[in-house]
Amino acid sequence: MCGWGRVSWTRSIAFAALVAVTGLAIMWLAQPGFLLVLWCLYPLLSALPQELIFRSLFLHRYAGLFPGEAQAHLM
């Protein structure tokens, strides 16, 4: 078997869950308020600016591949 067939999805999901729970527990024990601040501010201070900046750069770079502006914005 090769490629994705070799991946044990059950083990991968279990490992991801273990890492997530451990990370959240460490953060919560270290500074509980900081975790709440992260959850509230991350979308506004990181995800939204990245989307606005990189979408415009992407559309500028690959504008020639789209027949019209409407098709480019459907992505």
C-alpha atoms as a PDB file:
ATOM      1  CA  MET A   1       0.000   0.000   0.000  1.00  0.00           C
ATOM      2  CA  CYS A   2       1.266   3.499  -0.735  1.00  0.00           C
ATOM      3  CA  GLY A   3       0.214   7.109  -0.252  1.00  0.00           C
ATOM      4  CA  TRP A   4      -2.758   7.934   1.953  1.00  0.00           C
ATOM      5  CA  GLY A   5      -3.629   4.246   2.276  1.00  0.00           C
ATOM      6  CA  ARG A   6      -0.726   3.815   4.689  1.00  0.00           C
ATOM      7  CA  VAL A   7      -2.118   6.398   7.106  1.00  0.00           C
ATOM      8  CA  SER A   8      -3.881   5.062  10.178  1.00  0.00           C
ATOM      9  CA  TRP A   9      -6.622   7.663  10.479  1.00  0.00           C
ATOM     10  CA  THR A  10      -7.747   6.419  13.878  1.00  0.00           C
ATOM     11  CA  ARG A  11      -4.259   6.817  15.320  1.00  0.00           C
ATOM     12  CA  SER A  12      -3.799  10.197  13.618  1.00  0.00           C
ATOM     13  CA  ILE A  13      -7.064  11.563  15.002  1.00  0.00           C
ATOM     14  CA  ALA A  14      -6.317  10.179  18.464  1.00  0.00           C
ATOM     15  CA  PHE A  15      -2.866  11.780  18.430  1.00  0.00           C
ATOM     16  CA  ALA A  16      -4.289  15.130  17.251  1.00  0.00           C
ATOM     17  CA  ALA A  17      -6.902  15.029  20.018  1.00  0.00           C
ATOM     18  CA  LEU A  18      -4.261  14.176  22.625  1.00  0.00           C
ATOM     19  CA  VAL A  19      -2.052  17.067  21.492  1.00  0.00           C
ATOM     20  CA  ALA A  20      -5.010  19.483  21.471  1.00  0.00           C
ATOM     21  CA  VAL A  21      -6.201  18.489  24.939  1.00  0.00           C
ATOM     22  CA  THR A  22      -2.673  18.598  26.365  1.00  0.00           C
ATOM     23  CA  GLY A  23      -1.986  22.001  24.816  1.00  0.00           C
ATOM     24  CA  LEU A  24      -5.257  23.450  26.075  1.00  0.00           C
ATOM     25  CA  ALA A  25      -4.651  22.043  29.561  1.00  0.00           C
ATOM     26  CA  ILE A  26      -1.156  23.544  29.703  1.00  0.00           C
ATOM     27  CA  MET A  27      -2.413  26.926  28.521  1.00  0.00           C
ATOM     28  CA  TRP A  28      -5.367  26.850  30.909  1.00  0.00           C
ATOM     29  CA  LEU A  29      -3.201  25.966  33.884  1.00  0.00           C
ATOM     30  CA  ALA A  30      -0.564  28.546  32.998  1.00  0.00           C
ATOM     31  CA  GLN A  31      -2.861  31.508  32.384  1.00  0.00           C
ATOM     32  CA  PRO A  32      -6.591  30.829  32.070  1.00  0.00           C
ATOM     33  CA  GLY A  33      -7.427  34.380  31.042  1.00  0.00           C
ATOM     34  CA  PHE A  34      -4.905  34.354  28.217  1.00  0.00           C
ATOM     35  CA  LEU A  35      -6.673  31.446  26.524  1.00  0.00           C
ATOM     36  CA  LEU A  36      -9.932  33.408  26.472  1.00  0.00           C
ATOM     37  CA  VAL A  37      -8.158  36.469  25.085  1.00  0.00           C
ATOM     38  CA  LEU A  38      -6.598  34.326  22.366  1.00  0.00           C
ATOM     39  CA  TRP A  39      -9.948  32.862  21.365  1.00  0.00           C
ATOM     40  CA  CYS A  40     -11.520  36.306  21.161  1.00  0.00           C
ATOM     41  CA  LEU A  41      -8.758  38.306  19.506  1.00  0.00           C
ATOM     42  CA  TYR A  42      -7.156  35.792  17.130  1.00  0.00           C
ATOM     43  CA  PRO A  43      -9.851  36.035  14.445  1.00  0.00           C
ATOM     44  CA  LEU A  44      -9.717  39.836  14.502  1.00  0.00           C
ATOM     45  CA  LEU A  45      -5.972  40.392  14.823  1.00  0.00           C
ATOM     46  CA  SER A  46      -4.594  37.508  12.779  1.00  0.00           C
ATOM     47  CA  ALA A  47      -7.060  35.681  10.546  1.00  0.00           C
ATOM     48  CA  LEU A  48      -8.960  38.689   9.185  1.00  0.00           C
ATOM     49  CA  PRO A  49      -5.886  40.800   8.264  1.00  0.00           C
ATOM     50  CA  GLN A  50      -4.261  37.767   6.620  1.00  0.00           C
ATOM     51  CA  GLU A  51      -7.382  37.154   4.551  1.00  0.00           C
ATOM     52  CA  LEU A  52      -7.590  40.772   3.447  1.00  0.00           C
ATOM     53  CA  ILE A  53      -3.895  41.058   2.585  1.00  0.00           C
ATOM     54  CA  PHE A  54      -3.305  37.701   0.935  1.00  0.00           C
ATOM     55  CA  ARG A  55      -6.571  37.660  -1.030  1.00  0.00           C
ATOM     56  CA  SER A  56      -5.664  40.939  -2.706  1.00  0.00           C
ATOM     57  CA  LEU A  57      -2.117  39.705  -3.408  1.00  0.00           C
ATOM     58  CA  PHE A  58      -3.451  36.412  -4.784  1.00  0.00           C
ATOM     59  CA  LEU A  59      -5.996  38.114  -7.028  1.00  0.00           C
ATOM     60  CA  HIS A  60      -3.392  40.584  -8.266  1.00  0.00           C
ATOM     61  CA  ARG A  61      -0.888  37.815  -9.028  1.00  0.00           C
ATOM     62  CA  TYR A  62      -3.294  35.440 -10.787  1.00  0.00           C
ATOM     63  CA  ALA A  63      -5.722  37.925 -12.359  1.00  0.00           C
ATOM     64  CA  GLY A  64      -4.621  36.864 -15.848  1.00  0.00           C
ATOM     65  CA  LEU A  65      -5.916  33.342 -15.281  1.00  0.00           C
ATOM     66  CA  PHE A  66      -9.512  34.463 -14.802  1.00  0.00           C
ATOM     67  CA  PRO A  67     -11.662  35.606 -17.744  1.00  0.00           C
ATOM     68  CA  GLY A  68     -13.408  38.285 -15.691  1.00  0.00           C
ATOM     69  CA  GLU A  69     -13.431  39.926 -12.305  1.00  0.00           C
ATOM     70  CA  ALA A  70     -16.639  38.155 -11.250  1.00  0.00           C
ATOM     71  CA  GLN A  71     -15.051  34.707 -11.737  1.00  0.00           C
ATOM     72  CA  ALA A  72     -11.995  35.689  -9.710  1.00  0.00           C
ATOM     73  CA  HIS A  73     -14.132  36.717  -6.738  1.00  0.00           C
ATOM     74  CA  LEU A  74     -16.067  33.449  -6.705  1.00  0.00           C
ATOM     75  CA  MET A  75     -13.054  31.622  -5.279  1.00  0.00           C
END
